[in-house]
Amino acid sequence: MHPPGFRSFLLLASSLLFAGLSAVPQSFSPSLRSWPGAACRLSRAESERRCRAPGQPPGAALCHGRGRCDCGVCICHVTEPGMFFGPLCECHEWVCETYDGSTCAGTCHCGRCKCDNSDGSGLVYGKFCECDDRECVDDETEEICGGHGKCYCGNCYCKAGWHGDKCEFQCDITPWESKRRCTSPDGKICSNRGTCVCGECTCHDVDPTGDWGDIHGDTCECDERDCRAVYDRYSDDFCSGHGQCNCGRCDCKAGWYGKKCEHPQSCTLSAEESIRKCQGSSDLPCSGRGKCECGKCTCYPPGDRRVYGKTCECDDRRCEDLDGVVCGGHGTCSCGRCVCERGWFGKLCQHPRKCNMTEEQSKNLCESADGILCSGKGSCHCGKCICSAEEWYISGEFCDCDDRDCDKHDGLICTGNGICSCGNCECWDGWNGNACEIWLGSEYP
């Protein structure tokens, strides 16, 4: 009779022996045979049941089709370049999919990546263990993204007002102001083509090798790829070679039309004759407010009835102030000029002829910060400055602005597509750029 400790030892040894039969060589005789070469003590059905994956019906592949069943034990095939293993030959050391040129960034175990999270942080994850959020930990504070953002797959996504690889820097402007500066004319942040950081857009340039990227502009509103018939990052074939790309839109040469200037135009006029007809008495074709095609002007913006005339010479937008009020509400607009009602005068009918204040009260309202009346460049009427007509470029509440400071394009201040407001162009709807030279509205007709 054996002592209890000896019986425990025998049970433990039997368990270890059975667990070790998951991948045994063909020369090994399983313990379910009485001796090598003896008949199996299991029925064939029971033997095959033990070699099938759980839940598989009779007749299904034994040992996952990667080995043979010997008396209820799978003898796995050993082949190059790898081998099968596991109690039912379910594992293969080469089945982990590749990522970034390598097989699993962690340890490949039975077809699945096991990530190295020995510290229990769980910061390494992903199908290939490709995400390592330890990259987001701030070295100084030891917080994820400095406590000012969220980490996704090793990259910090900062809260409004913060930026940096680990959200360690704070913007010197409010989140609202940052968003306002990054909002493109179509109301999208950086035109959905860039990232807004403290009020400045960093465009997602698809061709970073050039000095001027395919995507550019203060709010990434320009996409030069739209000017190419077939996009090729190494090609300069803009507008089919028959036009100039202007912020992603083609301005076709005479004799060509189409979104990419791909269609030749049948016109009996020469290019010079066409331009001369579109020019009229203006220095520019279509008064700089339209497109000349075969001697006829198409005024911009398309469909805007405020710009009209044979050569687009009439622009009723010039009758509007910055708030869009026509002739100050005291007159009507005729071909870009205000016709004032009785009792009102001025370029925008903004001055009443009668005044209900004393001359001293009026002068006090016309004095600038330095105490000079209308900056010495105009006269005062009823508390408002009337700037000198001889110096057409003088403007502003106190005649303190010089419209010559506004950007020009084709010789026109604000390209004729906006109002110069104290040195800065305030563009009309659909136009953008420092000189309002970029059309971002609907397609050209």
Protein backbone atom coordinates (compact mmCIF):
# COMPACT_ATOMS: atom_id res chain seq x y z
CA MET A 1 0.00 0.00 0.00
CA HIS A 2 1.40 3.36 -1.07
CA PRO A 3 1.26 6.47 1.10
CA PRO A 4 -1.18 9.32 0.07
CA GLY A 5 1.72 11.53 -1.10
CA PHE A 6 2.81 8.89 -3.62
CA ARG A 7 -0.71 8.67 -5.08
CA SER A 8 -0.77 12.47 -5.53
CA PHE A 9 2.54 12.29 -7.34
CA LEU A 10 1.18 9.66 -9.74
CA LEU A 11 -1.90 11.77 -10.54
CA LEU A 12 0.25 14.85 -11.23
CA ALA A 13 2.61 12.89 -13.48
CA SER A 14 -0.33 11.44 -15.45
CA SER A 15 -1.78 14.92 -16.01
CA LEU A 16 1.51 16.30 -17.28
CA LEU A 17 1.96 13.33 -19.60
CA PHE A 18 -1.51 13.79 -21.16
CA ALA A 19 -0.96 17.56 -21.61
CA GLY A 20 2.28 16.87 -23.46
CA LEU A 21 0.58 14.84 -26.19
CA SER A 22 -0.48 17.91 -28.21
CA ALA A 23 2.26 17.56 -30.81
CA VAL A 24 4.15 14.31 -30.52
CA PRO A 25 6.45 12.70 -33.07
CA GLN A 26 5.13 9.81 -35.13
CA SER A 27 7.44 7.34 -33.37
CA PHE A 28 5.78 8.06 -30.02
CA SER A 29 3.11 5.58 -28.87
CA PRO A 30 0.14 7.31 -27.17
CA SER A 31 -0.77 6.06 -23.72
CA LEU A 32 -4.22 4.96 -24.89
CA ARG A 33 -2.57 1.88 -26.41
CA SER A 34 -1.57 -0.97 -24.16
CA TRP A 35 1.83 -1.24 -25.83
CA PRO A 36 3.43 0.00 -29.05
CA GLY A 37 1.53 -1.36 -32.03
CA ALA A 38 -1.38 -2.54 -29.90
CA ALA A 39 -4.99 -1.77 -30.86
CA CYS A 40 -6.52 1.53 -29.68
CA ARG A 41 -8.72 1.19 -26.60
CA LEU A 42 -11.09 3.86 -28.02
CA SER A 43 -13.74 3.24 -30.62
CA ARG A 44 -13.18 4.85 -33.99
CA ALA A 45 -16.06 7.27 -33.42
CA GLU A 46 -14.72 8.32 -30.01
CA SER A 47 -11.20 8.65 -31.38
CA GLU A 48 -12.39 10.93 -34.22
CA ARG A 49 -14.60 12.94 -31.86
CA ARG A 50 -11.58 13.77 -29.74
CA CYS A 51 -9.67 14.89 -32.87
CA ARG A 52 -12.41 17.24 -34.09
CA ALA A 53 -12.81 20.85 -33.03
CA PRO A 54 -15.64 21.39 -30.51
CA GLY A 55 -19.03 21.79 -32.17
CA GLN A 56 -17.94 20.21 -35.45
CA PRO A 57 -20.31 17.51 -36.78
CA PRO A 58 -19.23 13.95 -37.63
CA GLY A 59 -17.37 13.85 -40.92
CA ALA A 60 -15.72 17.25 -40.38
CA ALA A 61 -11.96 17.62 -40.83
CA LEU A 62 -9.87 15.95 -38.16
CA CYS A 63 -7.06 17.90 -36.52
CA HIS A 64 -8.11 20.95 -38.59
CA GLY A 65 -6.81 19.12 -41.66
CA ARG A 66 -3.25 19.67 -40.46
CA GLY A 67 -2.47 16.29 -38.93
CA ARG A 68 -3.65 12.73 -38.49
CA CYS A 69 -5.75 11.30 -35.69
CA ASP A 70 -4.08 8.47 -33.77
CA CYS A 71 -6.28 6.98 -31.08
CA GLY A 72 -7.89 10.31 -30.11
CA VAL A 73 -4.62 12.23 -30.28
CA CYS A 74 -3.64 14.57 -33.14
CA ILE A 75 -0.22 13.97 -34.63
CA CYS A 76 0.43 17.32 -36.36
CA HIS A 77 2.22 17.60 -39.71
CA VAL A 78 5.67 19.13 -39.50
CA THR A 79 6.46 21.06 -42.70
CA GLU A 80 8.66 23.90 -43.73
CA PRO A 81 8.74 26.86 -43.37
CA GLY A 82 6.76 26.39 -40.16
CA MET A 83 4.93 23.79 -38.17
CA PHE A 84 1.45 23.20 -36.81
CA PHE A 85 0.88 22.74 -33.13
CA GLY A 86 -1.81 22.71 -30.47
CA PRO A 87 -3.99 19.84 -29.15
CA LEU A 88 -5.97 19.87 -32.42
CA CYS A 89 -3.21 21.29 -34.67
CA GLU A 90 -5.15 24.56 -34.64
CA CYS A 91 -2.09 26.78 -34.40
CA HIS A 92 0.48 27.77 -36.99
CA GLU A 93 3.30 30.07 -36.09
CA TRP A 94 3.16 31.80 -39.51
CA VAL A 95 -0.52 32.74 -39.67
CA CYS A 96 -0.14 36.19 -38.06
CA GLU A 97 -0.78 38.76 -40.78
CA THR A 98 1.96 41.20 -41.62
CA TYR A 99 1.93 44.89 -40.70
CA ASP A 100 4.37 47.51 -41.88
CA GLY A 101 6.67 44.88 -43.31
CA SER A 102 6.96 42.77 -40.19
CA THR A 103 4.92 39.94 -38.71
CA CYS A 104 3.11 41.26 -35.65
CA ALA A 105 4.66 44.05 -33.58
CA GLY A 106 4.24 41.85 -30.51
CA THR A 107 4.46 38.08 -30.16
CA CYS A 108 2.62 35.87 -32.61
CA HIS A 109 0.75 33.20 -30.70
CA CYS A 110 -1.50 30.77 -32.50
CA GLY A 111 -2.37 33.24 -35.25
CA ARG A 112 -2.99 36.20 -32.98
CA CYS A 113 -0.73 39.02 -31.92
CA LYS A 114 0.00 39.13 -28.21
CA CYS A 115 0.93 42.68 -27.25
CA ASP A 116 3.63 43.43 -24.72
CA ASN A 117 1.74 44.95 -21.78
CA SER A 118 3.83 43.47 -18.99
CA ASP A 119 3.24 46.59 -16.89
CA GLY A 120 -0.52 46.08 -17.12
CA SER A 121 -1.10 49.51 -18.71
CA GLY A 122 -2.81 48.18 -21.83
CA LEU A 123 -1.27 51.01 -23.85
CA VAL A 124 -0.09 48.67 -26.61
CA TYR A 125 -2.97 47.31 -28.67
CA GLY A 126 -4.32 46.70 -32.15
CA LYS A 127 -4.70 43.71 -34.43
CA PHE A 128 -0.97 43.79 -35.08
CA CYS A 129 -0.04 45.52 -31.78
CA GLU A 130 0.70 48.47 -34.03
CA CYS A 131 -0.76 51.06 -31.65
CA ASP A 132 1.47 52.23 -28.84
CA ASP A 133 -0.17 54.93 -26.73
CA ARG A 134 3.00 55.24 -24.68
CA GLU A 135 4.01 57.69 -27.42
CA CYS A 136 1.32 60.05 -26.09
CA VAL A 137 2.61 60.18 -22.53
CA ASP A 138 4.05 63.58 -21.60
CA ASP A 139 7.56 63.15 -20.22
CA GLU A 140 7.10 65.88 -17.61
CA THR A 141 3.55 65.36 -16.37
CA GLU A 142 3.40 61.63 -17.25
CA GLU A 143 -0.17 62.27 -18.38
CA ILE A 144 -1.67 61.11 -21.68
CA CYS A 145 -1.50 64.07 -24.08
CA GLY A 146 -0.61 66.31 -21.14
CA GLY A 147 -4.18 66.02 -19.92
CA HIS A 148 -5.35 68.24 -22.79
CA GLY A 149 -6.38 65.70 -25.40
CA LYS A 150 -7.06 62.09 -26.27
CA CYS A 151 -4.67 59.52 -27.66
CA TYR A 152 -5.54 57.25 -30.55
CA CYS A 153 -3.00 54.75 -31.82
CA GLY A 154 -0.01 56.74 -30.58
CA ASN A 155 -1.23 60.16 -31.80
CA CYS A 156 -2.61 62.96 -29.65
CA TYR A 157 -5.81 64.71 -30.69
CA CYS A 158 -5.81 67.94 -28.69
CA LYS A 159 -8.71 69.81 -27.15
CA ALA A 160 -9.59 73.24 -28.51
CA GLY A 161 -6.94 75.78 -27.57
CA TRP A 162 -4.07 73.27 -27.27
CA HIS A 163 -1.55 71.96 -29.76
CA GLY A 164 1.75 70.13 -30.04
CA ASP A 165 2.72 66.48 -30.40
CA LYS A 166 1.56 65.89 -26.83
CA CYS A 167 -0.83 68.87 -26.51
CA GLU A 168 1.76 70.66 -24.44
CA PHE A 169 1.30 74.14 -25.93
CA GLN A 170 -1.61 76.49 -25.35
CA CYS A 171 -2.82 78.93 -28.01
CA ASP A 172 -2.66 82.66 -27.34
CA ILE A 173 -6.10 83.16 -28.91
CA THR A 174 -9.48 81.79 -27.90
CA PRO A 175 -10.78 78.57 -29.50
CA TRP A 176 -13.60 80.61 -31.07
CA GLU A 177 -11.15 83.02 -32.69
CA SER A 178 -8.98 80.13 -33.86
CA LYS A 179 -11.98 78.48 -35.51
CA ARG A 180 -13.06 81.76 -37.10
CA ARG A 181 -9.66 82.33 -38.68
CA CYS A 182 -9.54 78.78 -40.05
CA THR A 183 -13.06 78.81 -41.49
CA SER A 184 -13.06 78.87 -45.29
CA PRO A 185 -15.62 80.81 -47.35
CA ASP A 186 -17.76 77.68 -47.68
CA GLY A 187 -17.97 77.39 -43.89
CA LYS A 188 -15.62 74.43 -43.49
CA ILE A 189 -12.61 74.30 -41.20
CA CYS A 190 -9.54 74.57 -43.45
CA SER A 191 -11.84 73.52 -46.33
CA ASN A 192 -11.67 69.96 -44.95
CA ARG A 193 -8.18 69.82 -46.46
CA GLY A 194 -6.03 70.77 -43.49
CA THR A 195 -5.60 71.05 -39.74
CA CYS A 196 -6.33 74.20 -37.75
CA VAL A 197 -3.70 75.07 -35.15
CA CYS A 198 -4.15 78.33 -33.25
CA GLY A 199 -5.95 80.05 -36.09
CA GLU A 200 -3.62 78.87 -38.86
CA CYS A 201 -4.31 76.10 -41.35
CA THR A 202 -1.71 73.47 -42.13
CA CYS A 203 -2.85 72.07 -45.45
CA HIS A 204 -2.73 68.36 -46.23
CA ASP A 205 -0.42 68.84 -49.18
CA VAL A 206 -0.27 65.74 -51.35
CA ASP A 207 2.92 66.95 -53.02
CA PRO A 208 5.27 68.22 -50.32
CA THR A 209 8.28 68.24 -52.69
CA GLY A 210 7.35 71.51 -54.39
CA ASP A 211 7.71 75.08 -53.15
CA TRP A 212 3.98 75.58 -53.78
CA GLY A 213 1.83 72.62 -52.88
CA ASP A 214 -1.23 71.34 -54.66
CA ILE A 215 -3.37 72.43 -51.70
CA HIS A 216 -2.78 75.96 -50.45
CA GLY A 217 -4.42 79.18 -49.33
CA ASP A 218 -5.02 80.72 -45.91
CA THR A 219 -7.85 78.24 -45.34
CA CYS A 220 -6.62 75.53 -47.78
CA GLU A 221 -9.33 76.68 -50.17
CA CYS A 222 -7.21 76.16 -53.28
CA ASP A 223 -6.73 72.69 -54.76
CA GLU A 224 -4.63 72.71 -57.93
CA ARG A 225 -5.48 69.07 -58.57
CA ASP A 226 -8.85 70.26 -59.88
CA CYS A 227 -7.07 71.90 -62.82
CA ARG A 228 -5.66 68.67 -64.19
CA ALA A 229 -7.57 66.42 -66.55
CA VAL A 230 -5.86 63.39 -64.98
CA TYR A 231 -4.08 64.00 -61.70
CA ASP A 232 -0.36 63.32 -61.77
CA ARG A 233 1.66 64.76 -58.91
CA TYR A 234 4.74 65.04 -61.15
CA SER A 235 2.98 66.75 -64.07
CA ASP A 236 2.47 70.47 -64.67
CA ASP A 237 -0.14 69.94 -67.35
CA PHE A 238 -2.68 72.35 -65.89
CA CYS A 239 -5.91 73.19 -67.70
CA SER A 240 -5.03 70.83 -70.58
CA GLY A 241 -2.24 73.25 -71.52
CA HIS A 242 -4.80 75.86 -72.65
CA GLY A 243 -5.28 78.00 -69.58
CA GLN A 244 -4.04 79.14 -66.21
CA CYS A 245 -4.95 77.50 -62.92
CA ASN A 246 -6.29 80.02 -60.42
CA CYS A 247 -6.96 78.44 -57.04
CA GLY A 248 -8.14 75.19 -58.55
CA ARG A 249 -10.18 76.78 -61.36
CA CYS A 250 -9.09 77.10 -64.97
CA ASP A 251 -9.03 80.48 -66.71
CA CYS A 252 -8.95 79.37 -70.35
CA LYS A 253 -7.03 81.06 -73.10
CA ALA A 254 -8.95 82.56 -76.00
CA GLY A 255 -10.33 79.83 -78.22
CA TRP A 256 -10.77 77.23 -75.48
CA TYR A 257 -13.48 76.45 -72.94
CA GLY A 258 -14.55 73.78 -70.49
CA LYS A 259 -13.86 73.04 -66.85
CA LYS A 260 -10.31 71.95 -67.76
CA CYS A 261 -10.08 74.04 -70.99
CA GLU A 262 -10.32 70.82 -72.89
CA HIS A 263 -12.70 71.95 -75.65
CA PRO A 264 -11.65 74.10 -78.62
CA GLN A 265 -14.01 76.95 -79.37
CA SER A 266 -15.22 77.74 -82.85
CA CYS A 267 -15.04 81.52 -83.15
CA THR A 268 -14.66 83.59 -86.31
CA LEU A 269 -13.00 86.44 -84.36
CA SER A 270 -9.29 86.60 -83.72
CA ALA A 271 -8.13 86.74 -80.11
CA GLU A 272 -7.35 90.46 -80.46
CA GLU A 273 -10.76 91.24 -81.97
CA SER A 274 -12.50 89.26 -79.26
CA ILE A 275 -10.71 91.12 -76.46
CA ARG A 276 -11.31 94.49 -78.14
CA LYS A 277 -15.06 93.84 -78.28
CA CYS A 278 -15.13 92.75 -74.62
CA GLN A 279 -13.05 95.74 -73.53
CA GLY A 280 -15.24 98.60 -74.69
CA SER A 281 -14.21 101.82 -72.96
CA SER A 282 -12.61 99.95 -70.05
CA ASP A 283 -8.91 99.21 -69.66
CA LEU A 284 -9.67 95.53 -69.02
CA PRO A 285 -11.78 92.96 -70.87
CA CYS A 286 -15.26 92.82 -69.35
CA SER A 287 -14.23 95.64 -66.98
CA GLY A 288 -12.31 93.06 -64.96
CA ARG A 289 -15.62 91.60 -63.77
CA GLY A 290 -16.27 88.85 -66.29
CA LYS A 291 -15.01 86.33 -68.77
CA CYS A 292 -14.55 87.15 -72.45
CA GLU A 293 -15.56 84.46 -74.92
CA CYS A 294 -15.61 85.22 -78.63
CA GLY A 295 -16.26 88.94 -78.09
CA LYS A 296 -18.99 88.47 -75.50
CA CYS A 297 -18.76 88.98 -71.76
CA THR A 298 -20.08 86.62 -69.11
CA CYS A 299 -20.20 88.65 -65.89
CA TYR A 300 -19.19 87.29 -62.50
CA PRO A 301 -20.61 86.07 -60.26
CA PRO A 302 -22.76 83.96 -62.56
CA GLY A 303 -26.43 84.71 -61.99
CA ASP A 304 -25.79 87.85 -59.90
CA ARG A 305 -27.95 90.56 -61.47
CA ARG A 306 -26.01 93.30 -59.68
CA VAL A 307 -23.20 92.96 -62.23
CA TYR A 308 -24.38 93.59 -65.78
CA GLY A 309 -23.83 95.47 -69.00
CA LYS A 310 -22.37 94.63 -72.41
CA THR A 311 -18.86 94.77 -70.95
CA CYS A 312 -19.93 94.19 -67.30
CA GLU A 313 -19.45 97.92 -66.78
CA CYS A 314 -22.27 98.18 -64.24
CA ASP A 315 -21.64 96.91 -60.74
CA ASP A 316 -24.45 97.74 -58.33
CA ARG A 317 -22.52 96.15 -55.48
CA ARG A 318 -20.61 99.44 -55.33
CA CYS A 319 -23.79 101.05 -54.02
CA GLU A 320 -23.71 98.84 -50.91
CA ASP A 321 -21.90 99.52 -47.65
CA LEU A 322 -20.16 96.84 -45.60
CA ASP A 323 -23.51 95.83 -44.10
CA GLY A 324 -25.10 95.41 -47.54
CA VAL A 325 -27.36 98.48 -47.27
CA VAL A 326 -27.97 100.06 -50.72
CA CYS A 327 -27.29 103.80 -50.89
CA GLY A 328 -27.64 104.09 -47.13
CA GLY A 329 -31.37 103.46 -47.50
CA HIS A 330 -31.76 106.97 -48.92
CA GLY A 331 -31.43 106.46 -52.65
CA THR A 332 -31.43 104.08 -55.60
CA CYS A 333 -28.56 102.49 -57.45
CA SER A 334 -28.03 103.01 -61.18
CA CYS A 335 -25.12 101.22 -62.87
CA GLY A 336 -23.01 101.28 -59.71
CA ARG A 337 -23.78 104.89 -58.70
CA CYS A 338 -26.20 106.11 -56.05
CA VAL A 339 -28.98 108.52 -56.99
CA CYS A 340 -29.86 110.11 -53.64
CA GLU A 341 -33.27 111.14 -52.42
CA ARG A 342 -33.92 114.79 -51.68
CA GLY A 343 -32.21 115.85 -48.48
CA TRP A 344 -29.33 113.37 -48.75
CA PHE A 345 -25.95 113.36 -50.47
CA GLY A 346 -22.64 111.51 -50.55
CA LYS A 347 -21.21 108.54 -52.46
CA LEU A 348 -23.61 106.23 -50.60
CA CYS A 349 -26.24 108.90 -49.74
CA GLN A 350 -24.99 108.70 -46.17
CA HIS A 351 -25.03 112.42 -45.34
CA PRO A 352 -28.18 114.43 -44.49
CA ARG A 353 -28.29 117.96 -45.90
CA LYS A 354 -29.95 119.31 -42.75
CA CYS A 355 -28.17 119.02 -39.44
CA ASN A 356 -29.69 119.34 -35.97
CA MET A 357 -26.45 119.86 -34.08
CA THR A 358 -24.27 122.88 -33.46
CA GLU A 359 -21.02 123.36 -35.34
CA GLU A 360 -19.04 122.72 -32.15
CA GLN A 361 -20.89 119.46 -31.48
CA SER A 362 -20.28 118.42 -35.07
CA LYS A 363 -16.55 119.19 -34.93
CA ASN A 364 -16.11 117.25 -31.69
CA LEU A 365 -17.43 114.12 -33.43
CA CYS A 366 -15.11 114.65 -36.40
CA GLU A 367 -11.88 114.94 -34.43
CA SER A 368 -9.56 111.95 -34.56
CA ALA A 369 -7.51 110.70 -31.59
CA ASP A 370 -4.77 113.24 -32.29
CA GLY A 371 -7.29 116.11 -32.15
CA ILE A 372 -7.10 116.92 -35.88
CA LEU A 373 -10.34 117.46 -37.73
CA CYS A 374 -10.88 114.58 -40.21
CA SER A 375 -7.11 113.92 -40.11
CA GLY A 376 -6.64 117.10 -42.14
CA LYS A 377 -7.91 115.34 -45.27
CA GLY A 378 -11.58 116.24 -45.35
CA SER A 379 -14.37 118.43 -44.05
CA CYS A 380 -16.87 117.86 -41.26
CA HIS A 381 -20.62 117.80 -41.80
CA CYS A 382 -23.11 117.02 -39.06
CA GLY A 383 -20.60 115.00 -37.03
CA LYS A 384 -19.29 112.99 -39.98
CA CYS A 385 -16.18 113.42 -42.11
CA ILE A 386 -16.48 113.97 -45.85
CA CYS A 387 -13.13 113.02 -47.31
CA SER A 388 -11.53 115.10 -50.03
CA ALA A 389 -12.84 114.20 -53.50
CA GLU A 390 -9.53 115.26 -55.05
CA GLU A 391 -7.75 112.45 -53.21
CA TRP A 392 -9.98 109.55 -54.26
CA TYR A 393 -8.02 107.04 -52.21
CA ILE A 394 -8.70 108.70 -48.84
CA SER A 395 -11.42 106.97 -46.80
CA GLY A 396 -12.35 105.94 -43.30
CA GLU A 397 -14.45 107.37 -40.50
CA PHE A 398 -11.89 110.14 -39.91
CA CYS A 399 -10.38 110.10 -43.44
CA ASP A 400 -7.44 108.26 -41.91
CA CYS A 401 -7.28 105.37 -44.41
CA ASP A 402 -5.47 105.12 -47.71
CA ASP A 403 -7.18 102.77 -50.18
CA ARG A 404 -3.96 102.51 -52.14
CA ASP A 405 -2.80 100.16 -49.39
CA CYS A 406 -5.36 97.58 -50.52
CA ASP A 407 -4.03 94.82 -52.74
CA LYS A 408 -4.53 95.06 -56.47
CA HIS A 409 -5.00 92.52 -59.24
CA ASP A 410 -5.06 93.38 -62.93
CA GLY A 411 -4.60 97.01 -61.87
CA LEU A 412 -7.85 97.10 -59.89
CA ILE A 413 -8.08 97.62 -56.15
CA CYS A 414 -9.58 94.46 -54.65
CA THR A 415 -9.88 93.31 -58.30
CA GLY A 416 -13.21 95.13 -58.38
CA ASN A 417 -14.70 92.25 -56.40
CA GLY A 418 -14.79 93.81 -52.97
CA ILE A 419 -14.65 96.99 -50.91
CA CYS A 420 -11.40 98.46 -49.62
CA SER A 421 -11.85 98.99 -45.90
CA CYS A 422 -8.95 100.91 -44.40
CA GLY A 423 -6.23 99.04 -46.29
CA ASN A 424 -7.89 95.62 -46.31
CA CYS A 425 -10.13 94.12 -48.98
CA GLU A 426 -13.58 93.05 -47.82
CA CYS A 427 -14.56 90.59 -50.56
CA TRP A 428 -18.06 90.09 -51.86
CA ASP A 429 -19.73 86.70 -51.66
CA GLY A 430 -17.98 84.06 -53.72
CA TRP A 431 -14.63 85.88 -53.87
CA ASN A 432 -11.53 85.34 -51.79
CA GLY A 433 -7.84 86.22 -51.68
CA ASN A 434 -5.92 89.27 -50.48
CA ALA A 435 -7.11 91.17 -53.54
CA CYS A 436 -10.45 89.29 -53.92
CA GLU A 437 -9.00 87.78 -57.08
CA ILE A 438 -10.06 84.19 -56.40
CA TRP A 439 -13.53 83.03 -57.39
CA LEU A 440 -14.83 80.30 -55.07
CA GLY A 441 -18.50 80.44 -55.86
CA SER A 442 -20.49 78.29 -58.25
CA GLU A 443 -19.00 76.96 -61.46
CA TYR A 444 -18.52 79.33 -64.34
CA PRO A 445 -21.45 79.04 -66.75
